Amino acid sequence: MGRLLIKLIGISLLFVGIYFFAQNIIFVTNYHRFYYRRIPSTISVVAIMSGIFSLLFFRRETGNLGWFFLAIGLVLVFLSGGVIFRSTSLWNLLVALGALTSGYQLLNTGKLRF
């Protein structure tokens, strides 16, 4: 029962950290008159979907190909201009980083090391 509680606390801390990071990121979609302007965003969605699919279902067969697709997809998301970062306070950054690292440590090791 103790290990399950530690894992649940770790997952909840990870979600808190992701929430504090995600509240300052805005994803936008733009309508462009020309067809060639939508290509990077379409390719990024397809690359991210194929990377996640290959990592979830064909991890042994694909190896690092899934990670490659995810990296290409993330680079194309930023190149297409679909991500806007708002300014954040130092307090939000510290809370997010602290929650992420402590949640990750609780999930992997079951204890916190400072």
PDB file of N, CA and C in Angstrom:
ATOM      1  N   MET A   1       0.815  -1.198   0.000  1.00  0.00           N
ATOM      2  CA  MET A   1       0.000   0.000   0.000  1.00  0.00           C
ATOM      3  C   MET A   1       0.859   1.262   0.000  1.00  0.00           C
ATOM      4  N   GLY A   2       2.005   1.215   0.684  1.00  0.00           N
ATOM      5  CA  GLY A   2       2.877   2.370   0.751  1.00  0.00           C
ATOM      6  C   GLY A   2       3.479   2.734  -0.588  1.00  0.00           C
ATOM      7  N   ARG A   3       3.864   1.710  -1.368  1.00  0.00           N
ATOM      8  CA  ARG A   3       4.461   1.982  -2.688  1.00  0.00           C
ATOM      9  C   ARG A   3       3.424   2.565  -3.644  1.00  0.00           C
ATOM     10  N   LEU A   4       2.190   2.104  -3.551  1.00  0.00           N
ATOM     11  CA  LEU A   4       1.128   2.633  -4.402  1.00  0.00           C
ATOM     12  C   LEU A   4       0.864   4.098  -4.082  1.00  0.00           C
ATOM     13  N   LEU A   5       0.868   4.450  -2.800  1.00  0.00           N
ATOM     14  CA  LEU A   5       0.654   5.833  -2.404  1.00  0.00           C
ATOM     15  C   LEU A   5       1.795   6.723  -2.896  1.00  0.00           C
ATOM     16  N   ILE A   6       3.024   6.238  -2.832  1.00  0.00           N
ATOM     17  CA  ILE A   6       4.172   7.006  -3.319  1.00  0.00           C
ATOM     18  C   ILE A   6       4.074   7.217  -4.828  1.00  0.00           C
ATOM     19  N   LYS A   7       3.653   6.180  -5.559  1.00  0.00           N
ATOM     20  CA  LYS A   7       3.491   6.317  -7.017  1.00  0.00           C
ATOM     21  C   LYS A   7       2.388   7.320  -7.358  1.00  0.00           C
ATOM     22  N   LEU A   8       1.279   7.297  -6.612  1.00  0.00           N
ATOM     23  CA  LEU A   8       0.196   8.247  -6.869  1.00  0.00           C
ATOM     24  C   LEU A   8       0.613   9.681  -6.569  1.00  0.00           C
ATOM     25  N   ILE A   9       1.378   9.862  -5.505  1.00  0.00           N
ATOM     26  CA  ILE A   9       1.892  11.201  -5.190  1.00  0.00           C
ATOM     27  C   ILE A   9       2.855  11.661  -6.284  1.00  0.00           C
ATOM     28  N   GLY A  10       3.706  10.751  -6.783  1.00  0.00           N
ATOM     29  CA  GLY A  10       4.624  11.097  -7.860  1.00  0.00           C
ATOM     30  C   GLY A  10       3.908  11.493  -9.134  1.00  0.00           C
ATOM     31  N   ILE A  11       2.868  10.751  -9.495  1.00  0.00           N
ATOM     32  CA  ILE A  11       2.100  11.085 -10.698  1.00  0.00           C
ATOM     33  C   ILE A  11       1.385  12.413 -10.530  1.00  0.00           C
ATOM     34  N   SER A  12       0.830  12.642  -9.342  1.00  0.00           N
ATOM     35  CA  SER A  12       0.134  13.912  -9.131  1.00  0.00           C
ATOM     36  C   SER A  12       1.111  15.086  -9.166  1.00  0.00           C
ATOM     37  N   LEU A  13       2.314  14.911  -8.633  1.00  0.00           N
ATOM     38  CA  LEU A  13       3.312  15.977  -8.718  1.00  0.00           C
ATOM     39  C   LEU A  13       3.749  16.227 -10.155  1.00  0.00           C
ATOM     40  N   LEU A  14       3.853  15.179 -10.950  1.00  0.00           N
ATOM     41  CA  LEU A  14       4.171  15.367 -12.369  1.00  0.00           C
ATOM     42  C   LEU A  14       3.078  16.162 -13.069  1.00  0.00           C
ATOM     43  N   PHE A  15       1.830  15.854 -12.779  1.00  0.00           N
ATOM     44  CA  PHE A  15       0.726  16.596 -13.395  1.00  0.00           C
ATOM     45  C   PHE A  15       0.698  18.055 -12.937  1.00  0.00           C
ATOM     46  N   VAL A  16       1.026  18.313 -11.679  1.00  0.00           N
ATOM     47  CA  VAL A  16       1.091  19.695 -11.195  1.00  0.00           C
ATOM     48  C   VAL A  16       2.199  20.460 -11.922  1.00  0.00           C
ATOM     49  N   GLY A  17       3.360  19.828 -12.095  1.00  0.00           N
ATOM     50  CA  GLY A  17       4.446  20.477 -12.817  1.00  0.00           C
ATOM     51  C   GLY A  17       4.109  20.752 -14.268  1.00  0.00           C
ATOM     52  N   ILE A  18       3.465  19.790 -14.915  1.00  0.00           N
ATOM     53  CA  ILE A  18       3.047  19.996 -16.306  1.00  0.00           C
ATOM     54  C   ILE A  18       2.009  21.102 -16.398  1.00  0.00           C
ATOM     55  N   TYR A  19       1.104  21.177 -15.429  1.00  0.00           N
ATOM     56  CA  TYR A  19       0.099  22.241 -15.425  1.00  0.00           C
ATOM     57  C   TYR A  19       0.750  23.616 -15.318  1.00  0.00           C
ATOM     58  N   PHE A  20       1.713  23.762 -14.405  1.00  0.00           N
ATOM     59  CA  PHE A  20       2.353  25.071 -14.241  1.00  0.00           C
ATOM     60  C   PHE A  20       3.171  25.460 -15.465  1.00  0.00           C
ATOM     61  N   PHE A  21       3.738  24.489 -16.168  1.00  0.00           N
ATOM     62  CA  PHE A  21       4.430  24.814 -17.416  1.00  0.00           C
ATOM     63  C   PHE A  21       3.440  25.136 -18.530  1.00  0.00           C
ATOM     64  N   ALA A  22       2.369  24.376 -18.622  1.00  0.00           N
ATOM     65  CA  ALA A  22       1.449  24.495 -19.752  1.00  0.00           C
ATOM     66  C   ALA A  22       0.563  25.724 -19.684  1.00  0.00           C
ATOM     67  N   GLN A  23       0.401  26.352 -18.529  1.00  0.00           N
ATOM     68  CA  GLN A  23      -0.484  27.508 -18.472  1.00  0.00           C
ATOM     69  C   GLN A  23       0.120  28.731 -19.146  1.00  0.00           C
ATOM     70  N   ASN A  24       1.390  28.700 -19.493  1.00  0.00           N
ATOM     71  CA  ASN A  24       2.029  29.829 -20.165  1.00  0.00           C
ATOM     72  C   ASN A  24       2.399  29.527 -21.607  1.00  0.00           C
ATOM     73  N   ILE A  25       1.863  28.455 -22.155  1.00  0.00           N
ATOM     74  CA  ILE A  25       2.116  28.094 -23.545  1.00  0.00           C
ATOM     75  C   ILE A  25       0.796  28.143 -24.296  1.00  0.00           C
ATOM     76  N   ILE A  26       0.784  28.834 -25.415  1.00  0.00           N
ATOM     77  CA  ILE A  26      -0.420  28.967 -26.221  1.00  0.00           C
ATOM     78  C   ILE A  26      -0.155  28.323 -27.574  1.00  0.00           C
ATOM     79  N   PHE A  27      -1.017  27.392 -27.966  1.00  0.00           N
ATOM     80  CA  PHE A  27      -0.939  26.784 -29.285  1.00  0.00           C
ATOM     81  C   PHE A  27      -1.983  27.451 -30.166  1.00  0.00           C
ATOM     82  N   VAL A  28      -1.549  27.918 -31.332  1.00  0.00           N
ATOM     83  CA  VAL A  28      -2.455  28.612 -32.240  1.00  0.00           C
ATOM     84  C   VAL A  28      -2.440  27.928 -33.596  1.00  0.00           C
ATOM     85  N   THR A  29      -3.531  28.079 -34.282  1.00  0.00           N
ATOM     86  CA  THR A  29      -3.614  27.626 -35.664  1.00  0.00           C
ATOM     87  C   THR A  29      -4.014  28.825 -36.504  1.00  0.00           C
ATOM     88  N   ASN A  30      -3.407  28.957 -37.634  1.00  0.00           N
ATOM     89  CA  ASN A  30      -3.686  30.073 -38.523  1.00  0.00           C
ATOM     90  C   ASN A  30      -4.195  29.555 -39.851  1.00  0.00           C
ATOM     91  N   TYR A  31      -5.089  30.309 -40.444  1.00  0.00           N
ATOM     92  CA  TYR A  31      -5.547  29.975 -41.778  1.00  0.00           C
ATOM     93  C   TYR A  31      -4.708  30.772 -42.771  1.00  0.00           C
ATOM     94  N   HIS A  32      -4.064  30.069 -43.674  1.00  0.00           N
ATOM     95  CA  HIS A  32      -3.243  30.731 -44.693  1.00  0.00           C
ATOM     96  C   HIS A  32      -3.912  30.543 -46.050  1.00  0.00           C
ATOM     97  N   ARG A  33      -3.816  31.559 -46.859  1.00  0.00           N
ATOM     98  CA  ARG A  33      -4.430  31.507 -48.166  1.00  0.00           C
ATOM     99  C   ARG A  33      -3.677  30.546 -49.087  1.00  0.00           C
ATOM    100  N   PHE A  34      -2.380  30.471 -48.925  1.00  0.00           N
ATOM    101  CA  PHE A  34      -1.587  29.630 -49.806  1.00  0.00           C
ATOM    102  C   PHE A  34      -1.412  28.252 -49.181  1.00  0.00           C
ATOM    103  N   TYR A  35      -1.380  27.252 -50.004  1.00  0.00           N
ATOM    104  CA  TYR A  35      -1.332  25.875 -49.523  1.00  0.00           C
ATOM    105  C   TYR A  35       0.014  25.542 -48.888  1.00  0.00           C
ATOM    106  N   TYR A  36       1.096  26.087 -49.417  1.00  0.00           N
ATOM    107  CA  TYR A  36       2.423  25.694 -48.940  1.00  0.00           C
ATOM    108  C   TYR A  36       2.700  26.165 -47.521  1.00  0.00           C
ATOM    109  N   ARG A  37       1.947  27.096 -46.973  1.00  0.00           N
ATOM    110  CA  ARG A  37       2.177  27.577 -45.617  1.00  0.00           C
ATOM    111  C   ARG A  37       1.677  26.579 -44.564  1.00  0.00           C
ATOM    112  N   ARG A  38       0.755  25.680 -44.929  1.00  0.00           N
ATOM    113  CA  ARG A  38       0.213  24.719 -43.979  1.00  0.00           C
ATOM    114  C   ARG A  38       1.024  23.439 -43.931  1.00  0.00           C
ATOM    115  N   ILE A  39       1.951  23.260 -44.837  1.00  0.00           N
ATOM    116  CA  ILE A  39       2.698  22.005 -44.912  1.00  0.00           C
ATOM    117  C   ILE A  39       3.491  21.723 -43.627  1.00  0.00           C
ATOM    118  N   PRO A  40       4.245  22.672 -43.043  1.00  0.00           N
ATOM    119  CA  PRO A  40       4.984  22.327 -41.827  1.00  0.00           C
ATOM    120  C   PRO A  40       4.086  21.888 -40.675  1.00  0.00           C
ATOM    121  N   SER A  41       2.909  22.517 -40.523  1.00  0.00           N
ATOM    122  CA  SER A  41       2.043  22.113 -39.425  1.00  0.00           C
ATOM    123  C   SER A  41       1.415  20.751 -39.684  1.00  0.00           C
ATOM    124  N   THR A  42       1.077  20.443 -40.915  1.00  0.00           N
ATOM    125  CA  THR A  42       0.517  19.130 -41.234  1.00  0.00           C
ATOM    126  C   THR A  42       1.564  18.041 -41.051  1.00  0.00           C
ATOM    127  N   ILE A  43       2.765  18.298 -41.510  1.00  0.00           N
ATOM    128  CA  ILE A  43       3.836  17.313 -41.373  1.00  0.00           C
ATOM    129  C   ILE A  43       4.192  17.127 -39.899  1.00  0.00           C
ATOM    130  N   SER A  44       4.145  18.204 -39.109  1.00  0.00           N
ATOM    131  CA  SER A  44       4.467  18.072 -37.691  1.00  0.00           C
ATOM    132  C   SER A  44       3.442  17.215 -36.966  1.00  0.00           C
ATOM    133  N   VAL A  45       2.170  17.376 -37.290  1.00  0.00           N
ATOM    134  CA  VAL A  45       1.135  16.548 -36.657  1.00  0.00           C
ATOM    135  C   VAL A  45       1.304  15.088 -37.055  1.00  0.00           C
ATOM    136  N   VAL A  46       1.570  14.833 -38.324  1.00  0.00           N
ATOM    137  CA  VAL A  46       1.760  13.452 -38.786  1.00  0.00           C
ATOM    138  C   VAL A  46       3.013  12.847 -38.156  1.00  0.00           C
ATOM    139  N   ALA A  47       4.091  13.613 -38.037  1.00  0.00           N
ATOM    140  CA  ALA A  47       5.323  13.095 -37.442  1.00  0.00           C
ATOM    141  C   ALA A  47       5.140  12.787 -35.956  1.00  0.00           C
ATOM    142  N   ILE A  48       4.459  13.659 -35.238  1.00  0.00           N
ATOM    143  CA  ILE A  48       4.227  13.413 -33.810  1.00  0.00           C
ATOM    144  C   ILE A  48       3.319  12.206 -33.620  1.00  0.00           C
ATOM    145  N   MET A  49       2.279  12.099 -34.421  1.00  0.00           N
ATOM    146  CA  MET A  49       1.371  10.947 -34.307  1.00  0.00           C
ATOM    147  C   MET A  49       2.086   9.642 -34.634  1.00  0.00           C
ATOM    148  N   SER A  50       2.905   9.632 -35.668  1.00  0.00           N
ATOM    149  CA  SER A  50       3.616   8.397 -36.015  1.00  0.00           C
ATOM    150  C   SER A  50       4.681   8.062 -34.979  1.00  0.00           C
ATOM    151  N   GLY A  51       5.320   9.062 -34.391  1.00  0.00           N
ATOM    152  CA  GLY A  51       6.295   8.815 -33.340  1.00  0.00           C
ATOM    153  C   GLY A  51       5.655   8.214 -32.099  1.00  0.00           C
ATOM    154  N   ILE A  52       4.526   8.763 -31.677  1.00  0.00           N
ATOM    155  CA  ILE A  52       3.826   8.224 -30.515  1.00  0.00           C
ATOM    156  C   ILE A  52       3.304   6.823 -30.807  1.00  0.00           C
ATOM    157  N   PHE A  53       2.758   6.614 -31.992  1.00  0.00           N
ATOM    158  CA  PHE A  53       2.233   5.303 -32.363  1.00  0.00           C
ATOM    159  C   PHE A  53       3.339   4.250 -32.392  1.00  0.00           C
ATOM    160  N   SER A  54       4.482   4.602 -32.966  1.00  0.00           N
ATOM    161  CA  SER A  54       5.566   3.619 -33.037  1.00  0.00           C
ATOM    162  C   SER A  54       6.179   3.346 -31.665  1.00  0.00           C
ATOM    163  N   LEU A  55       6.226   4.355 -30.794  1.00  0.00           N
ATOM    164  CA  LEU A  55       6.759   4.121 -29.453  1.00  0.00           C
ATOM    165  C   LEU A  55       5.801   3.316 -28.583  1.00  0.00           C
ATOM    166  N   LEU A  56       4.514   3.487 -28.785  1.00  0.00           N
ATOM    167  CA  LEU A  56       3.548   2.756 -27.967  1.00  0.00           C
ATOM    168  C   LEU A  56       3.349   1.319 -28.422  1.00  0.00           C
ATOM    169  N   PHE A  57       3.299   1.094 -29.718  1.00  0.00           N
ATOM    170  CA  PHE A  57       2.912  -0.219 -30.207  1.00  0.00           C
ATOM    171  C   PHE A  57       4.053  -1.043 -30.803  1.00  0.00           C
ATOM    172  N   PHE A  58       5.076  -0.403 -31.343  1.00  0.00           N
ATOM    173  CA  PHE A  58       6.165  -1.134 -32.008  1.00  0.00           C
ATOM    174  C   PHE A  58       7.516  -0.716 -31.452  1.00  0.00           C
ATOM    175  N   ARG A  59       7.666  -0.704 -30.153  1.00  0.00           N
ATOM    176  CA  ARG A  59       8.890  -0.203 -29.538  1.00  0.00           C
ATOM    177  C   ARG A  59      10.108  -1.050 -29.897  1.00  0.00           C
ATOM    178  N   ARG A  60       9.977  -2.354 -29.890  1.00  0.00           N
ATOM    179  CA  ARG A  60      11.117  -3.224 -30.206  1.00  0.00           C
ATOM    180  C   ARG A  60      11.483  -3.171 -31.680  1.00  0.00           C
ATOM    181  N   GLU A  61      10.485  -3.095 -32.537  1.00  0.00           N
ATOM    182  CA  GLU A  61      10.756  -3.136 -33.972  1.00  0.00           C
ATOM    183  C   GLU A  61      11.328  -1.826 -34.503  1.00  0.00           C
ATOM    184  N   THR A  62      10.843  -0.708 -33.994  1.00  0.00           N
ATOM    185  CA  THR A  62      11.256   0.577 -34.571  1.00  0.00           C
ATOM    186  C   THR A  62      12.499   1.159 -33.913  1.00  0.00           C
ATOM    187  N   GLY A  63      12.736   0.829 -32.661  1.00  0.00           N
ATOM    188  CA  GLY A  63      13.930   1.346 -31.993  1.00  0.00           C
ATOM    189  C   GLY A  63      13.858   2.842 -31.780  1.00  0.00           C
ATOM    190  N   ASN A  64      14.794   3.548 -32.330  1.00  0.00           N
ATOM    191  CA  ASN A  64      14.872   4.998 -32.130  1.00  0.00           C
ATOM    192  C   ASN A  64      14.094   5.785 -33.176  1.00  0.00           C
ATOM    193  N   LEU A  65      13.430   5.112 -34.086  1.00  0.00           N
ATOM    194  CA  LEU A  65      12.691   5.815 -35.129  1.00  0.00           C
ATOM    195  C   LEU A  65      11.535   6.638 -34.550  1.00  0.00           C
ATOM    196  N   GLY A  66      10.879   6.123 -33.519  1.00  0.00           N
ATOM    197  CA  GLY A  66       9.801   6.865 -32.880  1.00  0.00           C
ATOM    198  C   GLY A  66      10.283   8.148 -32.244  1.00  0.00           C
ATOM    199  N   TRP A  67      11.449   8.082 -31.581  1.00  0.00           N
ATOM    200  CA  TRP A  67      12.013   9.282 -30.985  1.00  0.00           C
ATOM    201  C   TRP A  67      12.431  10.291 -32.063  1.00  0.00           C
ATOM    202  N   PHE A  68      12.910   9.778 -33.195  1.00  0.00           N
ATOM    203  CA  PHE A  68      13.280  10.651 -34.307  1.00  0.00           C
ATOM    204  C   PHE A  68      12.051  11.375 -34.847  1.00  0.00           C
ATOM    205  N   PHE A  69      10.940  10.640 -35.031  1.00  0.00           N
ATOM    206  CA  PHE A  69       9.708  11.272 -35.513  1.00  0.00           C
ATOM    207  C   PHE A  69       9.192  12.321 -34.524  1.00  0.00           C
ATOM    208  N   LEU A  70       9.282  12.035 -33.234  1.00  0.00           N
ATOM    209  CA  LEU A  70       8.847  13.017 -32.241  1.00  0.00           C
ATOM    210  C   LEU A  70       9.706  14.274 -32.287  1.00  0.00           C
ATOM    211  N   ALA A  71      11.009  14.115 -32.433  1.00  0.00           N
ATOM    212  CA  ALA A  71      11.903  15.273 -32.486  1.00  0.00           C
ATOM    213  C   ALA A  71      11.633  16.110 -33.734  1.00  0.00           C
ATOM    214  N   ILE A  72      11.469  15.453 -34.871  1.00  0.00           N
ATOM    215  CA  ILE A  72      11.169  16.189 -36.109  1.00  0.00           C
ATOM    216  C   ILE A  72       9.832  16.915 -35.993  1.00  0.00           C
ATOM    217  N   GLY A  73       8.844  16.260 -35.412  1.00  0.00           N
ATOM    218  CA  GLY A  73       7.533  16.880 -35.233  1.00  0.00           C
ATOM    219  C   GLY A  73       7.591  18.098 -34.335  1.00  0.00           C
ATOM    220  N   LEU A  74       8.336  18.011 -33.234  1.00  0.00           N
ATOM    221  CA  LEU A  74       8.449  19.160 -32.334  1.00  0.00           C
ATOM    222  C   LEU A  74       9.193  20.321 -32.978  1.00  0.00           C
ATOM    223  N   VAL A  75      10.227  20.018 -33.740  1.00  0.00           N
ATOM    224  CA  VAL A  75      10.951  21.091 -34.440  1.00  0.00           C
ATOM    225  C   VAL A  75      10.032  21.763 -35.451  1.00  0.00           C
ATOM    226  N   LEU A  76       9.241  20.995 -36.170  1.00  0.00           N
ATOM    227  CA  LEU A  76       8.336  21.590 -37.156  1.00  0.00           C
ATOM    228  C   LEU A  76       7.205  22.374 -36.506  1.00  0.00           C
ATOM    229  N   VAL A  77       6.778  21.997 -35.315  1.00  0.00           N
ATOM    230  CA  VAL A  77       5.764  22.790 -34.603  1.00  0.00           C
ATOM    231  C   VAL A  77       6.312  24.174 -34.307  1.00  0.00           C
ATOM    232  N   PHE A  78       7.551  24.239 -33.845  1.00  0.00           N
ATOM    233  CA  PHE A  78       8.126  25.543 -33.537  1.00  0.00           C
ATOM    234  C   PHE A  78       8.433  26.340 -34.805  1.00  0.00           C
ATOM    235  N   LEU A  79       8.810  25.667 -35.889  1.00  0.00           N
ATOM    236  CA  LEU A  79       9.082  26.380 -37.136  1.00  0.00           C
ATOM    237  C   LEU A  79       7.817  26.912 -37.785  1.00  0.00           C
ATOM    238  N   SER A  80       6.691  26.233 -37.591  1.00  0.00           N
ATOM    239  CA  SER A  80       5.451  26.697 -38.212  1.00  0.00           C
ATOM    240  C   SER A  80       4.855  27.889 -37.480  1.00  0.00           C
ATOM    241  N   GLY A  81       5.390  28.238 -36.318  1.00  0.00           N
ATOM    242  CA  GLY A  81       4.898  29.401 -35.592  1.00  0.00           C
ATOM    243  C   GLY A  81       3.621  29.134 -34.834  1.00  0.00           C
ATOM    244  N   GLY A  82       3.336  27.888 -34.523  1.00  0.00           N
ATOM    245  CA  GLY A  82       2.099  27.551 -33.845  1.00  0.00           C
ATOM    246  C   GLY A  82       2.193  27.549 -32.344  1.00  0.00           C
ATOM    247  N   VAL A  83       3.335  27.941 -31.785  1.00  0.00           N
ATOM    248  CA  VAL A  83       3.515  27.945 -30.340  1.00  0.00           C
ATOM    249  C   VAL A  83       3.952  29.341 -29.903  1.00  0.00           C
ATOM    250  N   ILE A  84       3.237  29.892 -28.916  1.00  0.00           N
ATOM    251  CA  ILE A  84       3.568  31.201 -28.364  1.00  0.00           C
ATOM    252  C   ILE A  84       3.839  31.005 -26.879  1.00  0.00           C
ATOM    253  N   PHE A  85       4.979  31.502 -26.406  1.00  0.00           N
ATOM    254  CA  PHE A  85       5.332  31.415 -24.997  1.00  0.00           C
ATOM    255  C   PHE A  85       5.067  32.759 -24.329  1.00  0.00           C
ATOM    256  N   ARG A  86       4.228  32.739 -23.304  1.00  0.00           N
ATOM    257  CA  ARG A  86       4.009  33.948 -22.515  1.00  0.00           C
ATOM    258  C   ARG A  86       5.084  34.033 -21.444  1.00  0.00           C
ATOM    259  N   SER A  87       5.312  35.225 -20.956  1.00  0.00           N
ATOM    260  CA  SER A  87       6.302  35.374 -19.888  1.00  0.00           C
ATOM    261  C   SER A  87       5.762  34.742 -18.610  1.00  0.00           C
ATOM    262  N   THR A  88       6.660  34.214 -17.827  1.00  0.00           N
ATOM    263  CA  THR A  88       6.274  33.539 -16.599  1.00  0.00           C
ATOM    264  C   THR A  88       7.078  34.106 -15.439  1.00  0.00           C
ATOM    265  N   SER A  89       6.557  33.937 -14.255  1.00  0.00           N
ATOM    266  CA  SER A  89       7.275  34.425 -13.086  1.00  0.00           C
ATOM    267  C   SER A  89       8.277  33.378 -12.620  1.00  0.00           C
ATOM    268  N   LEU A  90       9.225  33.823 -11.856  1.00  0.00           N
ATOM    269  CA  LEU A  90      10.225  32.910 -11.316  1.00  0.00           C
ATOM    270  C   LEU A  90       9.581  31.912 -10.362  1.00  0.00           C
ATOM    271  N   TRP A  91       8.567  32.339  -9.639  1.00  0.00           N
ATOM    272  CA  TRP A  91       7.873  31.451  -8.714  1.00  0.00           C
ATOM    273  C   TRP A  91       7.206  30.300  -9.463  1.00  0.00           C
ATOM    274  N   ASN A  92       6.504  30.584 -10.568  1.00  0.00           N
ATOM    275  CA  ASN A  92       5.872  29.518 -11.357  1.00  0.00           C
ATOM    276  C   ASN A  92       6.914  28.556 -11.910  1.00  0.00           C
ATOM    277  N   LEU A  93       8.042  29.097 -12.352  1.00  0.00           N
ATOM    278  CA  LEU A  93       9.097  28.251 -12.894  1.00  0.00           C
ATOM    279  C   LEU A  93       9.669  27.336 -11.815  1.00  0.00           C
ATOM    280  N   LEU A  94       9.913  27.865 -10.626  1.00  0.00           N
ATOM    281  CA  LEU A  94      10.451  27.047  -9.540  1.00  0.00           C
ATOM    282  C   LEU A  94       9.463  25.986  -9.078  1.00  0.00           C
ATOM    283  N   VAL A  95       8.191  26.333  -8.995  1.00  0.00           N
ATOM    284  CA  VAL A  95       7.174  25.354  -8.600  1.00  0.00           C
ATOM    285  C   VAL A  95       7.073  24.244  -9.644  1.00  0.00           C
ATOM    286  N   ALA A  96       7.078  24.619 -10.919  1.00  0.00           N
ATOM    287  CA  ALA A  96       6.968  23.618 -11.977  1.00  0.00           C
ATOM    288  C   ALA A  96       8.176  22.690 -11.993  1.00  0.00           C
ATOM    289  N   LEU A  97       9.374  23.246 -11.928  1.00  0.00           N
ATOM    290  CA  LEU A  97      10.577  22.414 -11.932  1.00  0.00           C
ATOM    291  C   LEU A  97      10.671  21.544 -10.687  1.00  0.00           C
ATOM    292  N   GLY A  98      10.312  22.098  -9.536  1.00  0.00           N
ATOM    293  CA  GLY A  98      10.333  21.313  -8.302  1.00  0.00           C
ATOM    294  C   GLY A  98       9.341  20.173  -8.317  1.00  0.00           C
ATOM    295  N   ALA A  99       8.130  20.450  -8.806  1.00  0.00           N
ATOM    296  CA  ALA A  99       7.112  19.402  -8.868  1.00  0.00           C
ATOM    297  C   ALA A  99       7.487  18.318  -9.877  1.00  0.00           C
ATOM    298  N   LEU A 100       8.037  18.726 -11.013  1.00  0.00           N
ATOM    299  CA  LEU A 100       8.436  17.742 -12.016  1.00  0.00           C
ATOM    300  C   LEU A 100       9.568  16.854 -11.526  1.00  0.00           C
ATOM    301  N   THR A 101      10.599  17.446 -10.931  1.00  0.00           N
ATOM    302  CA  THR A 101      11.728  16.628 -10.498  1.00  0.00           C
ATOM    303  C   THR A 101      11.372  15.740  -9.316  1.00  0.00           C
ATOM    304  N   SER A 102      10.615  16.268  -8.364  1.00  0.00           N
ATOM    305  CA  SER A 102      10.253  15.429  -7.216  1.00  0.00           C
ATOM    306  C   SER A 102       9.271  14.336  -7.626  1.00  0.00           C
ATOM    307  N   GLY A 103       8.345  14.625  -8.527  1.00  0.00           N
ATOM    308  CA  GLY A 103       7.432  13.585  -9.004  1.00  0.00           C
ATOM    309  C   GLY A 103       8.156  12.506  -9.777  1.00  0.00           C
ATOM    310  N   TYR A 104       9.123  12.902 -10.579  1.00  0.00           N
ATOM    311  CA  TYR A 104       9.906  11.917 -11.330  1.00  0.00           C
ATOM    312  C   TYR A 104      10.737  11.042 -10.401  1.00  0.00           C
ATOM    313  N   GLN A 105      11.342  11.649  -9.386  1.00  0.00           N
ATOM    314  CA  GLN A 105      12.123  10.865  -8.428  1.00  0.00           C
ATOM    315  C   GLN A 105      11.237   9.910  -7.640  1.00  0.00           C
ATOM    316  N   LEU A 106      10.051  10.340  -7.252  1.00  0.00           N
ATOM    317  CA  LEU A 106       9.145   9.455  -6.522  1.00  0.00           C
ATOM    318  C   LEU A 106       8.686   8.292  -7.391  1.00  0.00           C
ATOM    319  N   LEU A 107       8.456   8.540  -8.660  1.00  0.00           N
ATOM    320  CA  LEU A 107       8.037   7.448  -9.546  1.00  0.00           C
ATOM    321  C   LEU A 107       9.151   6.450  -9.786  1.00  0.00           C
ATOM    322  N   ASN A 108      10.366   6.928  -9.978  1.00  0.00           N
ATOM    323  CA  ASN A 108      11.464   6.021 -10.324  1.00  0.00           C
ATOM    324  C   ASN A 108      12.104   5.351  -9.113  1.00  0.00           C
ATOM    325  N   THR A 109      12.393   6.111  -8.082  1.00  0.00           N
ATOM    326  CA  THR A 109      13.134   5.551  -6.943  1.00  0.00           C
ATOM    327  C   THR A 109      12.273   5.318  -5.708  1.00  0.00           C
ATOM    328  N   GLY A 110      11.179   6.027  -5.576  1.00  0.00           N
ATOM    329  CA  GLY A 110      10.335   5.876  -4.409  1.00  0.00           C
ATOM    330  C   GLY A 110      10.747   6.765  -3.249  1.00  0.00           C
ATOM    331  N   LYS A 111      11.771   7.581  -3.421  1.00  0.00           N
ATOM    332  CA  LYS A 111      12.204   8.504  -2.360  1.00  0.00           C
ATOM    333  C   LYS A 111      12.753   9.765  -2.996  1.00  0.00           C
ATOM    334  N   LEU A 112      12.814  10.812  -2.183  1.00  0.00           N
ATOM    335  CA  LEU A 112      13.317  12.102  -2.646  1.00  0.00           C
ATOM    336  C   LEU A 112      14.728  12.312  -2.153  1.00  0.00           C
ATOM    337  N   ARG A 113      15.590  12.795  -3.052  1.00  0.00           N
ATOM    338  CA  ARG A 113      16.954  13.170  -2.686  1.00  0.00           C
ATOM    339  C   ARG A 113      17.153  14.631  -3.040  1.00  0.00           C
ATOM    340  N   PHE A 114      17.568  15.415  -2.084  1.00  0.00           N
ATOM    341  CA  PHE A 114      17.806  16.851  -2.330  1.00  0.00           C
ATOM    342  C   PHE A 114      19.278  17.137  -2.296  1.00  0.00           C
TER     343      PHE A 114
END
